[in-house]
Amino acid sequence: MARLLLLLLGAGVAVIAGIPPHEDVARVARFVAHECDWGALATLSAQEPPMRGLPFANAFSVSDGPAGACGSGVPYMYLTRLEVSVQDLQVNANASLTLSLAQTPYCKKKGYDPQSPLCAHVIFSGIVVEVNGTEADVAKEALFSRHPEMATWPPDHNWFFAKLNITKIWVLDYFGGIKTVTPQDYFKARPYN
């Protein structure tokens, strides 16, 4: 059973919950997606040889919603076409995104090595797409609330909001191997009780 700890943050209250039980794989995936502020996005390189066609991973800030809320489960990103991985995505929009609780205080506090299965991580696979209209407003709130510096980044870089349209999900959160979650089950799950 998850133990709740309330932290007073200025005038507001944020809820931080323990990780869901490893048997509840979809909830674990949603928990990791909401707790992580950044991830490793892997693309297939479109750069000049010898890199062309090879795997290429890069760190990106992500958010599925403001901290303290349940989040949407959708990994949003703030991107510019000047970035090398975004140039890869313009040629082939398929990507995978890895989020790990090693990025949070959780694993360190528990004494888990980042490679330990107990230091839960999720690998999402899908297609990165630009979002517009109302969804761009949702992405902006999700990202700028957790990454306020983004609002000051140079406007001449033509930033845009994007998301990973998730098609496959793998979760490693315990011994015994990686588990899969369908996108349908993932989006139905709530990360917190």
Foldseek 3Di string as FASTA:
>chain_A
DKDWDWDDDVPDIAIDIDFDDVVLPLLNLLQLQAVFQKWKKWFQFCDDPPRHRPIDIDMFTWFQAAGRDQGQSWTKGKDFCVDRVVVRCVVPQKIKIKGWLVRPCVCVVVVHDRPDLQRKMKIFIAGKDFDDDPVQVRSCRGNCNPVVCVVVPDCVRVITMITGPTQWMWMRNHPDDIDTDGPVSNSVHGNHD
